[in-house]
Structures are given as structure tokens and as C-alpha cells.
C-alpha atoms as a PDB file:
ATOM      1  CA  MET A   1      39.143 120.482 102.400  1.00  0.00           C
ATOM      2  CA  LYS A   2      42.586 120.770 103.960  1.00  0.00           C
ATOM      3  CA  TYR A   3      43.487 117.380 102.506  1.00  0.00           C
ATOM      4  CA  PHE A   4      42.445 118.604  99.080  1.00  0.00           C
ATOM      5  CA  LYS A   5      44.653 121.691  99.420  1.00  0.00           C
ATOM      6  CA  LYS A   6      47.504 119.508 100.650  1.00  0.00           C
ATOM      7  CA  TYR A   7      47.400 117.260  97.584  1.00  0.00           C
ATOM      8  CA  LEU A   8      46.338 119.920  95.080  1.00  0.00           C
ATOM      9  CA  PRO A   9      49.889 120.468  93.697  1.00  0.00           C
ATOM     10  CA  TYR A  10      50.261 116.740  93.057  1.00  0.00           C
ATOM     11  CA  ILE A  11      46.844 116.565  91.376  1.00  0.00           C
ATOM     12  CA  LEU A  12      47.770 119.491  89.125  1.00  0.00           C
ATOM     13  CA  ILE A  13      51.074 117.845  88.188  1.00  0.00           C
ATOM     14  CA  ILE A  14      49.277 114.609  87.285  1.00  0.00           C
ATOM     15  CA  LEU A  15      46.705 116.502  85.212  1.00  0.00           C
ATOM     16  CA  LEU A  16      49.442 118.406  83.387  1.00  0.00           C
ATOM     17  CA  LEU A  17      51.310 115.190  82.669  1.00  0.00           C
ATOM     18  CA  LEU A  18      48.147 113.555  81.328  1.00  0.00           C
ATOM     19  CA  ALA A  19      47.385 116.585  79.163  1.00  0.00           C
ATOM     20  CA  GLY A  20      50.926 116.542  77.795  1.00  0.00           C
ATOM     21  CA  PHE A  21      50.669 112.843  77.084  1.00  0.00           C
ATOM     22  CA  PHE A  22      47.462 113.226  75.071  1.00  0.00           C
ATOM     23  CA  ILE A  23      48.792 116.274  73.196  1.00  0.00           C
ATOM     24  CA  ILE A  24      51.954 114.396  72.227  1.00  0.00           C
ATOM     25  CA  LYS A  25      49.961 111.293  71.278  1.00  0.00           C
ATOM     26  CA  LYS A  26      47.606 113.364  69.124  1.00  0.00           C
ATOM     27  CA  ALA A  27      50.485 115.171  67.434  1.00  0.00           C
ATOM     28  CA  TYR A  28      52.289 111.895  66.778  1.00  0.00           C
ATOM     29  CA  SER A  29      49.224 110.270  65.249  1.00  0.00           C
ATOM     30  CA  THR A  30      48.439 113.172  62.909  1.00  0.00           C
ATOM     31  CA  SER A  31      51.866 114.518  61.997  1.00  0.00           C
ATOM     32  CA  ASP A  32      52.313 112.044  59.153  1.00  0.00           C
ATOM     33  CA  ASN A  33      48.680 111.878  58.051  1.00  0.00           C
ATOM     34  CA  LYS A  34      49.457 112.621  54.412  1.00  0.00           C
ATOM     35  CA  TYR A  35      52.146 109.978  54.138  1.00  0.00           C
ATOM     36  CA  LEU A  36      52.107 106.302  53.348  1.00  0.00           C
ATOM     37  CA  LYS A  37      54.769 104.674  55.504  1.00  0.00           C
ATOM     38  CA  VAL A  38      56.395 101.367  54.556  1.00  0.00           C
ATOM     39  CA  VAL A  39      59.017  99.879  56.853  1.00  0.00           C
ATOM     40  CA  PHE A  40      61.084  96.821  56.035  1.00  0.00           C
ATOM     41  CA  LEU A  41      61.644  95.556  59.547  1.00  0.00           C
ATOM     42  CA  ASP A  42      64.937  94.193  60.787  1.00  0.00           C
ATOM     43  CA  VAL A  43      63.913  90.762  62.090  1.00  0.00           C
ATOM     44  CA  GLY A  44      67.118  88.870  61.375  1.00  0.00           C
ATOM     45  CA  GLN A  45      66.975  86.096  58.780  1.00  0.00           C
ATOM     46  CA  GLY A  46      63.361  86.530  57.763  1.00  0.00           C
ATOM     47  CA  ASP A  47      60.796  88.897  56.287  1.00  0.00           C
ATOM     48  CA  ALA A  48      58.522  91.422  57.969  1.00  0.00           C
ATOM     49  CA  ILE A  49      57.071  94.624  56.521  1.00  0.00           C
ATOM     50  CA  TYR A  50      54.967  97.245  58.298  1.00  0.00           C
ATOM     51  CA  ILE A  51      52.607  99.448  56.282  1.00  0.00           C
ATOM     52  CA  GLU A  52      50.695 102.437  57.641  1.00  0.00           C
ATOM     53  CA  ALA A  53      48.321 104.392  55.406  1.00  0.00           C
ATOM     54  CA  PRO A  54      47.543 108.100  55.944  1.00  0.00           C
ATOM     55  CA  ASN A  55      44.153 107.170  57.441  1.00  0.00           C
ATOM     56  CA  GLY A  56      45.930 105.090  60.088  1.00  0.00           C
ATOM     57  CA  ARG A  57      45.137 101.663  58.673  1.00  0.00           C
ATOM     58  CA  GLN A  58      47.964  99.206  59.313  1.00  0.00           C
ATOM     59  CA  VAL A  59      49.119  96.032  57.590  1.00  0.00           C
ATOM     60  CA  VAL A  60      51.984  93.706  58.487  1.00  0.00           C
ATOM     61  CA  ILE A  61      53.316  91.450  55.731  1.00  0.00           C
ATOM     62  CA  ASP A  62      55.119  88.430  57.210  1.00  0.00           C
ATOM     63  CA  GLY A  63      56.253  88.073  60.787  1.00  0.00           C
ATOM     64  CA  GLY A  64      59.904  87.116  60.755  1.00  0.00           C
ATOM     65  CA  PRO A  65      61.222  84.036  62.581  1.00  0.00           C
ATOM     66  CA  ASP A  66      60.594  84.967  66.219  1.00  0.00           C
ATOM     67  CA  ALA A  67      59.775  87.582  68.866  1.00  0.00           C
ATOM     68  CA  LYS A  68      62.055  90.163  67.288  1.00  0.00           C
ATOM     69  CA  LEU A  69      59.002  91.184  65.253  1.00  0.00           C
ATOM     70  CA  LEU A  70      57.482  92.788  68.363  1.00  0.00           C
ATOM     71  CA  SER A  71      60.558  94.836  69.254  1.00  0.00           C
ATOM     72  CA  SER A  72      60.936  96.042  65.660  1.00  0.00           C
ATOM     73  CA  LEU A  73      57.251  96.998  65.457  1.00  0.00           C
ATOM     74  CA  ALA A  74      57.505  98.918  68.734  1.00  0.00           C
ATOM     75  CA  LYS A  75      60.004 101.254  67.077  1.00  0.00           C
ATOM     76  CA  VAL A  76      57.672 102.259  64.244  1.00  0.00           C
ATOM     77  CA  MET A  77      54.092 101.944  65.499  1.00  0.00           C
ATOM     78  CA  PRO A  78      52.272 104.792  67.278  1.00  0.00           C
ATOM     79  CA  PHE A  79      52.644 104.828  71.041  1.00  0.00           C
ATOM     80  CA  ALA A  80      50.141 102.627  72.913  1.00  0.00           C
ATOM     81  CA  ASP A  81      48.645 101.287  69.673  1.00  0.00           C
ATOM     82  CA  ARG A  82      47.731  97.635  70.240  1.00  0.00           C
ATOM     83  CA  SER A  83      45.740  96.889  67.106  1.00  0.00           C
ATOM     84  CA  ILE A  84      46.591  95.972  63.502  1.00  0.00           C
ATOM     85  CA  ASP A  85      44.004  95.836  60.753  1.00  0.00           C
ATOM     86  CA  MET A  86      45.504  93.065  58.663  1.00  0.00           C
ATOM     87  CA  ILE A  87      48.424  90.678  58.554  1.00  0.00           C
ATOM     88  CA  ILE A  88      49.545  88.856  55.419  1.00  0.00           C
ATOM     89  CA  ALA A  89      51.416  85.564  55.661  1.00  0.00           C
ATOM     90  CA  THR A  90      53.039  85.126  52.256  1.00  0.00           C
ATOM     91  CA  HIS A  91      53.656  81.441  53.004  1.00  0.00           C
ATOM     92  CA  GLY A  92      54.062  79.116  55.961  1.00  0.00           C
ATOM     93  CA  ASP A  93      57.833  78.972  56.479  1.00  0.00           C
ATOM     94  CA  LEU A  94      59.128  79.747  59.967  1.00  0.00           C
ATOM     95  CA  ASP A  95      61.119  82.812  58.887  1.00  0.00           C
ATOM     96  CA  HIS A  96      57.893  84.395  57.609  1.00  0.00           C
ATOM     97  CA  ILE A  97      55.322  83.438  60.268  1.00  0.00           C
ATOM     98  CA  GLY A  98      57.420  82.710  63.369  1.00  0.00           C
ATOM     99  CA  GLY A  99      56.591  86.026  65.024  1.00  0.00           C
ATOM    100  CA  PHE A 100      52.857  85.974  64.252  1.00  0.00           C
ATOM    101  CA  PRO A 101      51.609  83.821  67.175  1.00  0.00           C
ATOM    102  CA  LEU A 102      53.189  86.268  69.640  1.00  0.00           C
ATOM    103  CA  LEU A 103      51.806  89.168  67.641  1.00  0.00           C
ATOM    104  CA  LEU A 104      48.297  87.754  68.032  1.00  0.00           C
ATOM    105  CA  ASP A 105      48.888  87.442  71.779  1.00  0.00           C
ATOM    106  CA  ASN A 106      49.785  91.113  72.050  1.00  0.00           C
ATOM    107  CA  TYR A 107      47.756  92.898  69.354  1.00  0.00           C
ATOM    108  CA  LYS A 108      44.155  92.830  68.226  1.00  0.00           C
ATOM    109  CA  VAL A 109      44.235  91.746  64.573  1.00  0.00           C
ATOM    110  CA  THR A 110      41.120  91.985  62.410  1.00  0.00           C
ATOM    111  CA  SER A 111      42.064  89.947  59.301  1.00  0.00           C
ATOM    112  CA  ILE A 112      44.743  87.621  58.010  1.00  0.00           C
ATOM    113  CA  VAL A 113      45.517  86.877  54.370  1.00  0.00           C
ATOM    114  CA  GLU A 114      47.055  83.470  53.622  1.00  0.00           C
ATOM    115  CA  ASN A 115      47.943  81.582  50.439  1.00  0.00           C
ATOM    116  CA  GLY A 116      45.699  78.590  51.130  1.00  0.00           C
ATOM    117  CA  ALA A 117      48.455  76.059  51.801  1.00  0.00           C
ATOM    118  CA  THR A 118      49.131  74.271  55.077  1.00  0.00           C
ATOM    119  CA  ALA A 119      52.397  73.402  56.800  1.00  0.00           C
ATOM    120  CA  ASP A 120      53.091  70.456  59.073  1.00  0.00           C
ATOM    121  CA  THR A 121      54.928  72.502  61.696  1.00  0.00           C
ATOM    122  CA  LYS A 122      54.234  73.498  65.292  1.00  0.00           C
ATOM    123  CA  ILE A 123      54.477  77.205  64.503  1.00  0.00           C
ATOM    124  CA  PHE A 124      51.888  76.932  61.722  1.00  0.00           C
ATOM    125  CA  GLU A 125      49.556  74.913  63.959  1.00  0.00           C
ATOM    126  CA  SER A 126      49.985  77.489  66.736  1.00  0.00           C
ATOM    127  CA  LEU A 127      49.166  80.341  64.366  1.00  0.00           C
ATOM    128  CA  GLU A 128      46.032  78.623  63.042  1.00  0.00           C
ATOM    129  CA  LYS A 129      44.782  77.884  66.581  1.00  0.00           C
ATOM    130  CA  LYS A 130      45.217  81.528  67.586  1.00  0.00           C
ATOM    131  CA  ILE A 131      43.404  82.688  64.434  1.00  0.00           C
ATOM    132  CA  LEU A 132      40.415  80.559  65.457  1.00  0.00           C
ATOM    133  CA  LYS A 133      40.629  81.516  69.129  1.00  0.00           C
ATOM    134  CA  ASN A 134      40.766  85.251  68.375  1.00  0.00           C
ATOM    135  CA  LYS A 135      38.049  84.971  65.695  1.00  0.00           C
ATOM    136  CA  ILE A 136      40.253  86.608  63.067  1.00  0.00           C
ATOM    137  CA  ASN A 137      38.777  86.869  59.590  1.00  0.00           C
ATOM    138  CA  LYS A 138      40.772  84.617  57.232  1.00  0.00           C
ATOM    139  CA  ILE A 139      41.121  85.515  53.547  1.00  0.00           C
ATOM    140  CA  ILE A 140      42.736  83.293  50.894  1.00  0.00           C
ATOM    141  CA  ALA A 141      44.784  85.377  48.461  1.00  0.00           C
ATOM    142  CA  ARG A 142      44.176  85.040  44.749  1.00  0.00           C
ATOM    143  CA  ARG A 143      45.262  87.026  41.723  1.00  0.00           C
ATOM    144  CA  GLY A 144      42.934  89.952  41.069  1.00  0.00           C
ATOM    145  CA  MET A 145      42.218  90.626  44.742  1.00  0.00           C
ATOM    146  CA  HIS A 146      42.178  94.382  45.420  1.00  0.00           C
ATOM    147  CA  ILE A 147      42.825  95.335  49.059  1.00  0.00           C
ATOM    148  CA  ILE A 148      41.985  98.973  49.772  1.00  0.00           C
ATOM    149  CA  LEU A 149      44.012 100.553  52.584  1.00  0.00           C
ATOM    150  CA  ASP A 150      42.889 104.165  52.205  1.00  0.00           C
ATOM    151  CA  GLU A 151      39.835 104.785  50.042  1.00  0.00           C
ATOM    152  CA  GLU A 152      40.099 108.601  50.093  1.00  0.00           C
ATOM    153  CA  LYS A 153      43.702 108.581  48.855  1.00  0.00           C
ATOM    154  CA  ASN A 154      43.278 105.464  46.698  1.00  0.00           C
ATOM    155  CA  ILE A 155      45.996 103.413  48.375  1.00  0.00           C
ATOM    156  CA  TYR A 156      45.712  99.693  47.709  1.00  0.00           C
ATOM    157  CA  ILE A 157      47.460  96.344  47.406  1.00  0.00           C
ATOM    158  CA  ASP A 158      46.817  94.270  44.294  1.00  0.00           C
ATOM    159  CA  ILE A 159      47.456  90.537  44.628  1.00  0.00           C
ATOM    160  CA  LEU A 160      49.353  89.249  41.596  1.00  0.00           C
ATOM    161  CA  TYR A 161      49.913  85.684  42.805  1.00  0.00           C
ATOM    162  CA  PRO A 162      48.801  82.949  43.576  1.00  0.00           C
ATOM    163  CA  ASP A 163      46.665  82.678  40.462  1.00  0.00           C
ATOM    164  CA  ARG A 164      45.605  79.093  41.296  1.00  0.00           C
ATOM    165  CA  ASP A 165      45.393  76.502  44.066  1.00  0.00           C
ATOM    166  CA  ILE A 166      48.970  76.137  45.334  1.00  0.00           C
ATOM    167  CA  SER A 167      48.296  73.688  48.179  1.00  0.00           C
ATOM    168  CA  ASP A 168      50.505  71.043  46.519  1.00  0.00           C
ATOM    169  CA  PHE A 169      53.276  73.450  45.507  1.00  0.00           C
ATOM    170  CA  GLU A 170      56.693  73.636  47.110  1.00  0.00           C
ATOM    171  CA  SER A 171      56.365  76.183  49.915  1.00  0.00           C
ATOM    172  CA  ASN A 172      58.261  79.087  48.339  1.00  0.00           C
ATOM    173  CA  ASP A 173      56.387  78.664  45.041  1.00  0.00           C
ATOM    174  CA  GLY A 174      53.160  79.384  46.900  1.00  0.00           C
ATOM    175  CA  SER A 175      54.330  82.777  48.161  1.00  0.00           C
ATOM    176  CA  ILE A 176      51.856  85.622  47.912  1.00  0.00           C
ATOM    177  CA  VAL A 177      53.120  88.403  45.633  1.00  0.00           C
ATOM    178  CA  GLY A 178      51.464  91.804  45.805  1.00  0.00           C
ATOM    179  CA  LYS A 179      51.953  95.371  44.667  1.00  0.00           C
ATOM    180  CA  LEU A 180      51.227  98.353  46.939  1.00  0.00           C
ATOM    181  CA  VAL A 181      50.294 101.567  45.123  1.00  0.00           C
ATOM    182  CA  TYR A 182      49.883 105.166  46.270  1.00  0.00           C
ATOM    183  CA  GLY A 183      49.734 107.624  43.394  1.00  0.00           C
ATOM    184  CA  GLU A 184      53.103 107.596  41.664  1.00  0.00           C
ATOM    185  CA  SER A 185      54.754 105.427  44.351  1.00  0.00           C
ATOM    186  CA  SER A 186      54.670 101.636  44.284  1.00  0.00           C
ATOM    187  CA  PHE A 187      56.181  98.663  46.103  1.00  0.00           C
ATOM    188  CA  MET A 188      56.498  95.054  44.935  1.00  0.00           C
ATOM    189  CA  PHE A 189      56.401  92.480  47.735  1.00  0.00           C
ATOM    190  CA  THR A 190      57.525  88.974  46.778  1.00  0.00           C
ATOM    191  CA  GLY A 191      57.879  86.779  49.871  1.00  0.00           C
ATOM    192  CA  ASP A 192      60.127  83.885  48.864  1.00  0.00           C
ATOM    193  CA  ALA A 193      58.790  83.655  45.308  1.00  0.00           C
ATOM    194  CA  GLY A 194      61.330  82.062  42.981  1.00  0.00           C
ATOM    195  CA  LEU A 195      62.057  82.071  39.271  1.00  0.00           C
ATOM    196  CA  TYR A 196      59.055  79.871  38.447  1.00  0.00           C
ATOM    197  CA  VAL A 197      56.631  82.284  40.117  1.00  0.00           C
ATOM    198  CA  GLU A 198      58.347  85.309  38.568  1.00  0.00           C
ATOM    199  CA  ASN A 199      57.866  83.744  35.134  1.00  0.00           C
ATOM    200  CA  LEU A 200      54.190  83.002  35.808  1.00  0.00           C
ATOM    201  CA  ILE A 201      53.557  86.582  36.927  1.00  0.00           C
ATOM    202  CA  GLY A 202      55.525  87.946  33.979  1.00  0.00           C
ATOM    203  CA  TRP A 203      53.326  85.873  31.671  1.00  0.00           C
ATOM    204  CA  ASN A 204      50.093  87.063  33.335  1.00  0.00           C
ATOM    205  CA  GLU A 205      50.865  90.764  33.748  1.00  0.00           C
ATOM    206  CA  ASN A 206      52.092  93.515  31.456  1.00  0.00           C
ATOM    207  CA  ASN A 207      55.163  95.597  32.227  1.00  0.00           C
ATOM    208  CA  THR A 208      53.076  98.557  33.390  1.00  0.00           C
ATOM    209  CA  ILE A 209      51.594  96.434  36.159  1.00  0.00           C
ATOM    210  CA  LEU A 210      54.987  95.066  37.185  1.00  0.00           C
ATOM    211  CA  ASP A 211      56.895  98.364  37.108  1.00  0.00           C
ATOM    212  CA  SER A 212      57.539  99.415  40.722  1.00  0.00           C
ATOM    213  CA  ASP A 213      59.659 101.952  42.571  1.00  0.00           C
ATOM    214  CA  VAL A 214      60.699  99.551  45.321  1.00  0.00           C
ATOM    215  CA  LEU A 215      61.255  95.797  44.983  1.00  0.00           C
ATOM    216  CA  LYS A 216      61.711  93.485  47.914  1.00  0.00           C
ATOM    217  CA  LEU A 217      63.982  90.842  46.464  1.00  0.00           C
ATOM    218  CA  GLY A 218      62.586  87.336  46.635  1.00  0.00           C
ATOM    219  CA  HIS A 219      63.964  84.817  49.128  1.00  0.00           C
ATOM    220  CA  HIS A 220      66.369  87.181  50.894  1.00  0.00           C
ATOM    221  CA  GLY A 221      68.513  87.721  47.829  1.00  0.00           C
ATOM    222  CA  SER A 222      68.863  84.056  46.916  1.00  0.00           C
ATOM    223  CA  ARG A 223      70.010  83.059  43.437  1.00  0.00           C
ATOM    224  CA  THR A 224      66.722  81.110  43.157  1.00  0.00           C
ATOM    225  CA  SER A 225      64.885  84.427  42.724  1.00  0.00           C
ATOM    226  CA  SER A 226      65.270  87.806  41.020  1.00  0.00           C
ATOM    227  CA  SER A 227      66.036  86.790  37.446  1.00  0.00           C
ATOM    228  CA  ILE A 228      67.424  89.439  35.109  1.00  0.00           C
ATOM    229  CA  LEU A 229      64.133  89.400  33.185  1.00  0.00           C
ATOM    230  CA  TRP A 230      62.141  89.958  36.382  1.00  0.00           C
ATOM    231  CA  LEU A 231      64.418  92.790  37.495  1.00  0.00           C
ATOM    232  CA  GLU A 232      64.094  94.418  34.083  1.00  0.00           C
ATOM    233  CA  LYS A 233      60.293  94.142  34.115  1.00  0.00           C
ATOM    234  CA  VAL A 234      59.911  95.514  37.649  1.00  0.00           C
ATOM    235  CA  SER A 235      62.647  98.089  36.975  1.00  0.00           C
ATOM    236  CA  PRO A 236      62.882  99.318  40.573  1.00  0.00           C
ATOM    237  CA  GLU A 237      64.411 102.582  41.714  1.00  0.00           C
ATOM    238  CA  VAL A 238      65.793 100.621  44.673  1.00  0.00           C
ATOM    239  CA  ALA A 239      65.772  97.000  45.851  1.00  0.00           C
ATOM    240  CA  VAL A 240      65.481  95.853  49.461  1.00  0.00           C
ATOM    241  CA  ILE A 241      67.045  92.696  50.873  1.00  0.00           C
ATOM    242  CA  SER A 242      65.619  91.390  54.141  1.00  0.00           C
ATOM    243  CA  VAL A 243      68.437  89.335  55.596  1.00  0.00           C
ATOM    244  CA  ASN A 244      70.566  88.631  58.642  1.00  0.00           C
ATOM    245  CA  LYS A 245      74.238  89.554  58.648  1.00  0.00           C
ATOM    246  CA  ASN A 246      76.612  86.609  58.119  1.00  0.00           C
ATOM    247  CA  ASN A 247      73.715  84.157  57.754  1.00  0.00           C
ATOM    248  CA  LYS A 248      74.462  80.485  57.093  1.00  0.00           C
ATOM    249  CA  TYR A 249      72.803  80.570  53.653  1.00  0.00           C
ATOM    250  CA  GLY A 250      75.180  83.115  52.165  1.00  0.00           C
ATOM    251  CA  HIS A 251      72.327  85.531  51.381  1.00  0.00           C
ATOM    252  CA  PRO A 252      72.412  87.729  49.428  1.00  0.00           C
ATOM    253  CA  HIS A 253      74.138  85.569  46.844  1.00  0.00           C
ATOM    254  CA  LYS A 254      76.948  87.043  44.801  1.00  0.00           C
ATOM    255  CA  GLU A 255      75.065  86.425  41.537  1.00  0.00           C
ATOM    256  CA  ILE A 256      72.169  88.615  42.695  1.00  0.00           C
ATOM    257  CA  LEU A 257      74.436  91.475  43.695  1.00  0.00           C
ATOM    258  CA  GLU A 258      76.094  91.243  40.289  1.00  0.00           C
ATOM    259  CA  ARG A 259      72.696  91.363  38.552  1.00  0.00           C
ATOM    260  CA  LEU A 260      71.742  94.468  40.531  1.00  0.00           C
ATOM    261  CA  SER A 261      75.074  96.093  39.709  1.00  0.00           C
ATOM    262  CA  ASN A 262      74.819  95.297  36.009  1.00  0.00           C
ATOM    263  CA  LEU A 263      71.320  96.783  35.856  1.00  0.00           C
ATOM    264  CA  LYS A 264      72.406  99.771  37.991  1.00  0.00           C
ATOM    265  CA  ILE A 265      69.814  99.029  40.679  1.00  0.00           C
ATOM    266  CA  PRO A 266      70.944 100.222  44.123  1.00  0.00           C
ATOM    267  CA  PHE A 267      69.935  98.127  47.118  1.00  0.00           C
ATOM    268  CA  LEU A 268      69.378  98.454  50.843  1.00  0.00           C
ATOM    269  CA  SER A 269      69.775  95.621  53.336  1.00  0.00           C
ATOM    270  CA  THR A 270      68.231  95.232  56.786  1.00  0.00           C
ATOM    271  CA  ALA A 271      71.485  93.550  57.839  1.00  0.00           C
ATOM    272  CA  ASP A 272      73.296  96.844  57.248  1.00  0.00           C
ATOM    273  CA  SER A 273      70.569  99.449  57.827  1.00  0.00           C
ATOM    274  CA  GLY A 274      68.235  97.914  60.418  1.00  0.00           C
ATOM    275  CA  ASN A 275      64.635  99.046  59.893  1.00  0.00           C
ATOM    276  CA  ILE A 276      64.384 100.625  56.430  1.00  0.00           C
ATOM    277  CA  ILE A 277      61.722 103.350  56.294  1.00  0.00           C
ATOM    278  CA  PHE A 278      60.049 104.666  53.150  1.00  0.00           C
ATOM    279  CA  LYS A 279      57.538 107.517  53.077  1.00  0.00           C
ATOM    280  CA  SER A 280      55.413 108.716  50.183  1.00  0.00           C
ATOM    281  CA  ASP A 281      52.887 111.502  49.704  1.00  0.00           C
ATOM    282  CA  GLY A 282      51.762 109.896  46.465  1.00  0.00           C
ATOM    283  CA  VAL A 283      54.268 111.870  44.408  1.00  0.00           C
ATOM    284  CA  ASN A 284      57.560 112.001  46.275  1.00  0.00           C
ATOM    285  CA  LEU A 285      59.164 108.879  47.722  1.00  0.00           C
ATOM    286  CA  VAL A 286      61.790 109.383  50.413  1.00  0.00           C
ATOM    287  CA  TYR A 287      63.940 106.879  52.295  1.00  0.00           C
END
């Protein structure tokens, strides 16, 4: 009994700390429960996007080139959360899947969406082995696929492309393109889709489907993407460029910045802003 009394103050301190931890964790997990959160992650010269629905469901689109994905995710995911419902690999290039093998080592992932193509690279082979090892459900994206993130609030991603077997296509031309919708707020995700893919989608879909509040510019702001016609059809309130500062490719290209300026479309860049966070309650979009 005397030992219990001796250590009682320490036990009480530990209990208070644990109670505080769980209160803070609970408050953190429910404070934004009416918001859809979309974060364009700063992963250097690559793409990675984190999506969290009001019900807590999480999706990561692309994984950047390397381990920087994990450090960027740690800044936006709930504390101690080690699971992700779905990852989407728009295509198999290193700057889009390089961080995924490490992600699978550190997080429990339920499903992965791929475009159906393969890549003769070590990073692609590593990712596929880990998908099998971790028994992750693999889904091949096709136009018309409707991915529900939050059924109660009707938040979903519609796959607009590929609309066919792209296994023999040049890698970028196989990029998955999808539109995320929550009420009056919408996001167009393009991977590295180029002018050819933009034209195919423009042919398949009407302007109402393409119209989006936020557009992630294809291929890091390369001149091979984001035609004037595509920009006019999507008609974004703001464009996002996922890019590394002073990269060797010269992204974003001057022509793209001129197109945005001529169409009066403002843009944000991960090179300048780091992680770019959008929140929507289905009516108001803030960033």
C-alpha cells in the first residue's frame, strides 16, 4: 500500500496525460468533419495529392518521386493514423509512384487504382510486389467508374480517362484523369495527361462535366499539356502546378504561364507555397 501511495502522483500524471492525449486526438479528428480536405503535397518534382472526406475516408493520388511523400503526409494526416483507404497511381513514372513502396511499408492501404499499364522499372516492380504481399485490392481505372468517398455527403471521384486499353500507349498518355466532386466544389486531377488525352476527354465529355473549380495542370506545367481549349473547357477558378523549384525541365513552361495569364486563371505552385490546402463544405471553397 505504501508503494502505491508513493507512486500515486506519477500514476495520476500519466492518467491525465493519456486523457489529454485522447481528448486532443478526438477533437482533431472531428473538428473538420464537415469539410472535404484536398492537399496538393510538396514532394519536389512530382505529383502527390491527399484527399480526406468528412467521414474520414482518405485517398492519395500519386506518390511523388521518393520518401518525401511520407514527411509531407505527416503534416496533414491525423495524428497516429497509419491507414489509407485508397491510393491512385495515375501512371507508372517514377515521379508519380516513387514514394508508394515506402508508403505501403508504413501504412495499411486497402485498395489501389492503376491504369492497367506496366513499366519495366525497379520501382514499378517493387510496388507490384508489395501490392501482392500486402494483399491490396487492385482496381483498373476506366471511364465511367464512380468512386464514392462519402455516401452521406455524396462526395465522389468520377474517372474520365482511360476510356480504353492503354497498355501500349506512351506512359503519360495513359494517365488516369478524374474529377472529385463535393456539392458545388470540384477538382480536376490530370496526372501527366497531355494534349492528346485532353482532346479525347473533350470529345467524350460535355463542358458541364469538365467544368471544375480547381485544375491540377497536366505534367507539372509542361507545354505538352494544358491547351487553351482544355483550359477554357475546365474553366478553373484556380490552377495548381506540382513542381520543384529550379527543376531541370524548366517547368512550368513560359507558354503555360502565358496561357493562364491570357485566360485570367490564377495559379498556385508547390515550389512556392509548399503543401497547398483546399477545404470545402460543399458550398464554400477556401484555400
